[in-house]
């Protein structure tokens, strides 16, 4: 768990599977194939990467108080989108 905005959050992997519509379908030849919504998958992947790579250069140590953290616009969009889609959840 990591503290973000004074709350603990985690990434719900099962929810990612639901959102990208991971399913197995049978083709006309009788074989089974796994299908996902690639655009959703790729966007979720990029948003998680943005969140995991966000750095607050001004506050190197969590124990030292400093001015409020300023997060980037990509981080804010990613975090809010993933939170709204229940991929990021409060612990």
C-alpha atoms as a PDB file:
ATOM      1  CA  UNK A   1       0.000   0.000   0.000  1.00  0.00           C
ATOM      2  CA  UNK A   2       1.084   3.518  -0.639  1.00  0.00           C
ATOM      3  CA  UNK A   3      -0.268   6.692   0.832  1.00  0.00           C
ATOM      4  CA  UNK A   4      -1.554   9.125  -1.790  1.00  0.00           C
ATOM      5  CA  UNK A   5      -3.537  12.198  -0.824  1.00  0.00           C
ATOM      6  CA  UNK A   6      -3.585  10.987   2.811  1.00  0.00           C
ATOM      7  CA  UNK A   7      -5.282   7.674   1.957  1.00  0.00           C
ATOM      8  CA  UNK A   8      -3.991   4.199   1.140  1.00  0.00           C
ATOM      9  CA  UNK A   9      -4.706   2.917  -2.369  1.00  0.00           C
ATOM     10  CA  UNK A  10      -4.126  -0.271  -4.331  1.00  0.00           C
ATOM     11  CA  UNK A  11      -4.586  -1.438  -7.916  1.00  0.00           C
ATOM     12  CA  UNK A  12      -7.347  -4.040  -8.269  1.00  0.00           C
ATOM     13  CA  UNK A  13      -6.089  -6.514 -10.861  1.00  0.00           C
ATOM     14  CA  UNK A  14      -9.420  -8.342 -11.053  1.00  0.00           C
ATOM     15  CA  UNK A  15     -11.140  -5.087 -11.966  1.00  0.00           C
ATOM     16  CA  UNK A  16      -8.665  -4.527 -14.818  1.00  0.00           C
ATOM     17  CA  UNK A  17      -9.651  -7.906 -16.190  1.00  0.00           C
ATOM     18  CA  UNK A  18     -13.339  -6.929 -16.062  1.00  0.00           C
ATOM     19  CA  UNK A  19     -12.783  -3.502 -17.629  1.00  0.00           C
ATOM     20  CA  UNK A  20     -10.785  -4.743 -20.598  1.00  0.00           C
ATOM     21  CA  UNK A  21     -13.457  -7.406 -21.102  1.00  0.00           C
ATOM     22  CA  UNK A  22     -11.108 -10.360 -20.962  1.00  0.00           C
ATOM     23  CA  UNK A  23     -13.042 -13.298 -22.353  1.00  0.00           C
ATOM     24  CA  UNK A  24     -12.568 -16.527 -24.258  1.00  0.00           C
ATOM     25  CA  UNK A  25     -14.648 -16.986 -27.408  1.00  0.00           C
ATOM     26  CA  UNK A  26     -15.063 -19.958 -29.653  1.00  0.00           C
ATOM     27  CA  UNK A  27     -14.281 -19.375 -33.329  1.00  0.00           C
ATOM     28  CA  UNK A  28     -16.129 -20.898 -36.271  1.00  0.00           C
ATOM     29  CA  UNK A  29     -13.351 -23.504 -36.507  1.00  0.00           C
ATOM     30  CA  UNK A  30     -14.050 -24.708 -32.977  1.00  0.00           C
ATOM     31  CA  UNK A  31     -10.908 -23.241 -31.432  1.00  0.00           C
ATOM     32  CA  UNK A  32     -11.007 -20.942 -28.450  1.00  0.00           C
ATOM     33  CA  UNK A  33      -9.377 -17.526 -28.529  1.00  0.00           C
ATOM     34  CA  UNK A  34      -8.867 -14.914 -25.868  1.00  0.00           C
ATOM     35  CA  UNK A  35     -10.192 -11.461 -26.791  1.00  0.00           C
ATOM     36  CA  UNK A  36      -9.667  -8.128 -25.064  1.00  0.00           C
ATOM     37  CA  UNK A  37     -10.562  -4.540 -25.807  1.00  0.00           C
ATOM     38  CA  UNK A  38      -7.107  -3.472 -26.854  1.00  0.00           C
ATOM     39  CA  UNK A  39      -7.681   0.284 -26.670  1.00  0.00           C
ATOM     40  CA  UNK A  40      -8.926   0.070 -23.070  1.00  0.00           C
ATOM     41  CA  UNK A  41      -6.098  -2.284 -22.157  1.00  0.00           C
ATOM     42  CA  UNK A  42      -3.449   0.002 -23.642  1.00  0.00           C
ATOM     43  CA  UNK A  43      -4.879   3.145 -22.022  1.00  0.00           C
ATOM     44  CA  UNK A  44      -5.114   1.491 -18.612  1.00  0.00           C
ATOM     45  CA  UNK A  45      -1.550   0.251 -19.005  1.00  0.00           C
ATOM     46  CA  UNK A  46      -0.311   3.765 -19.811  1.00  0.00           C
ATOM     47  CA  UNK A  47      -2.265   5.356 -16.948  1.00  0.00           C
ATOM     48  CA  UNK A  48      -0.864   2.871 -14.431  1.00  0.00           C
ATOM     49  CA  UNK A  49       2.624   3.559 -15.753  1.00  0.00           C
ATOM     50  CA  UNK A  50       2.082   7.314 -15.272  1.00  0.00           C
ATOM     51  CA  UNK A  51       0.970   6.763 -11.690  1.00  0.00           C
ATOM     52  CA  UNK A  52       3.829   4.401 -10.862  1.00  0.00           C
ATOM     53  CA  UNK A  53       6.474   6.693 -12.325  1.00  0.00           C
ATOM     54  CA  UNK A  54       5.237  10.007 -10.880  1.00  0.00           C
ATOM     55  CA  UNK A  55       7.928  11.668  -8.795  1.00  0.00           C
ATOM     56  CA  UNK A  56       7.715  14.531  -6.375  1.00  0.00           C
ATOM     57  CA  UNK A  57      11.196  15.961  -6.609  1.00  0.00           C
ATOM     58  CA  UNK A  58      10.569  18.598  -3.947  1.00  0.00           C
ATOM     59  CA  UNK A  59       9.789  16.101  -1.207  1.00  0.00           C
ATOM     60  CA  UNK A  60      12.556  13.508  -1.188  1.00  0.00           C
ATOM     61  CA  UNK A  61      11.794  12.234   2.321  1.00  0.00           C
ATOM     62  CA  UNK A  62       8.265  11.550   3.599  1.00  0.00           C
ATOM     63  CA  UNK A  63       9.375  12.337   7.142  1.00  0.00           C
ATOM     64  CA  UNK A  64      10.354  15.930   6.320  1.00  0.00           C
ATOM     65  CA  UNK A  65       7.336  18.206   6.017  1.00  0.00           C
ATOM     66  CA  UNK A  66       7.264  20.491   3.012  1.00  0.00           C
ATOM     67  CA  UNK A  67       4.764  22.452   0.987  1.00  0.00           C
ATOM     68  CA  UNK A  68       1.835  20.494  -0.482  1.00  0.00           C
ATOM     69  CA  UNK A  69       2.743  18.129  -3.274  1.00  0.00           C
ATOM     70  CA  UNK A  70       2.119  19.308  -6.800  1.00  0.00           C
ATOM     71  CA  UNK A  71       1.225  16.456  -9.094  1.00  0.00           C
ATOM     72  CA  UNK A  72       1.403  16.534 -12.854  1.00  0.00           C
ATOM     73  CA  UNK A  73      -1.631  16.815 -15.109  1.00  0.00           C
ATOM     74  CA  UNK A  74      -1.058  13.305 -16.558  1.00  0.00           C
ATOM     75  CA  UNK A  75      -0.964  11.912 -13.011  1.00  0.00           C
ATOM     76  CA  UNK A  76      -4.213  13.670 -12.069  1.00  0.00           C
ATOM     77  CA  UNK A  77      -6.014  12.444 -15.193  1.00  0.00           C
ATOM     78  CA  UNK A  78      -4.686   8.920 -14.769  1.00  0.00           C
ATOM     79  CA  UNK A  79      -5.429   8.684 -11.062  1.00  0.00           C
ATOM     80  CA  UNK A  80      -8.954  10.099 -11.379  1.00  0.00           C
ATOM     81  CA  UNK A  81      -9.795   7.922 -14.388  1.00  0.00           C
ATOM     82  CA  UNK A  82      -8.552   4.746 -12.716  1.00  0.00           C
ATOM     83  CA  UNK A  83     -10.303   5.657  -9.472  1.00  0.00           C
ATOM     84  CA  UNK A  84     -13.563   6.381 -11.323  1.00  0.00           C
ATOM     85  CA  UNK A  85     -13.341   3.007 -13.104  1.00  0.00           C
ATOM     86  CA  UNK A  86     -12.684   1.261  -9.758  1.00  0.00           C
ATOM     87  CA  UNK A  87      -9.241   0.051 -10.865  1.00  0.00           C
ATOM     88  CA  UNK A  88      -7.617   2.023  -8.063  1.00  0.00           C
ATOM     89  CA  UNK A  89      -9.368   1.515  -4.747  1.00  0.00           C
ATOM     90  CA  UNK A  90      -8.977   2.852  -1.238  1.00  0.00           C
ATOM     91  CA  UNK A  91      -7.687   0.302   1.219  1.00  0.00           C
END
